[in-house]
């Protein structure tokens, strides 16, 4: 009877332990699924490759406990890997370059297969990077490739400071995450390619505008550079800087409808000719208005010839009625116009331009924009004649 009771108690204890183990495994799988969903949502909603990698690597530690999680991107032109994102790797900084012949991570890049090392101390001839890992106390690691269209573009790696620190489920989870990261990186690359193509078209159009007159060749790009320098000093955000760049390149697009004989005239313009050229701001706004990607810069193009005292055109806006980015562009446009040679006059030296900006501060130009430009105006000329 005692034997039966003992067997029953042992069986109940075994069943209880199994139920606890199953509950823990189920809870872990549910947490893994939930975190993987969060990772998926976070990285796929982001178009910045750096943020995608940092988000994924930091959230990964919630699924697979580890002492180190990193992403290195392949740089085949330089022949190595760049430590791009992650945590726990203290002996090299982010952005560090690791040559292919200095780490066996290269095997993952060349073969496209995962790599697992249960104990780094068993490596007969460790390469410099693995020696650095061991000096920092890392003993086991797992690495999986990040592949885009069949090409390995990087390696996702995790490490622990004890041997045999990972189980097969960890590899399966890591491979799923690597696929998600690869997909997000490809989406980000496609979007960046489209943005580059769009900006390239805008630059080509800008050059076509300036090519209407030999006296304005390169004007739009110089104005854009000056405007971006001012915007950087005034702390503009990423979106405002992009809008300012587009507006700078296209601010004279309305001159496509202006007679070349007027633009190339060697004498000073008559009032009628000046009035004709003044129409280019409104015409420029009309040209970009139908293009969805350019609607935000339409007010900048339209009002970049307004004066701070209300004497400008086309609508005579004054002070803060003028869009802020248009006030920056107005000064940048004026600086380059004063610097450049024209058929009827030579360009002014920087000293005279500075005095002119000071004189016209609060009348033609926003005084805050003038101060921002003059804070570094003496260090680099606004216009190069080379």
Foldseek 3Di string as FASTA:
>chain_A
DVVVVVVVVVVVVVVVVVVVVVVVVVVLVVQLVVLLVVLLVVLLVDLDLLVNQQSLQVSVCVNAPAQWKWKWFDDVVVAFTFTRYIDNQPPDDHRDTDHCQQAPVVVCQVVQAKDWFQFLVPDPDGGNVSVSCVVSQWTIKIKGFQDAPRHGGMIIMGTHNHGNRDDPVSVVSVVVSSPSSSVSNVVSVVVVVVVVVVVVVLLVLLQVLQVLEPQRHPVLVLLLVLLLLLCVLVPDDPVLNVLLNSCSSQLQVLCVPPDSCLVQPLADDDPVSVVRSLCSQVSSLVVCCVPPVNVVNSLLSNQLQAFQQQPGDDGSDHNPVRPPSSLSSNLSSVLSVQQTCGSHGHHDDLVVSLVVLVVRDNTRHPVVSNVSSVVCCVPDPSDDPD
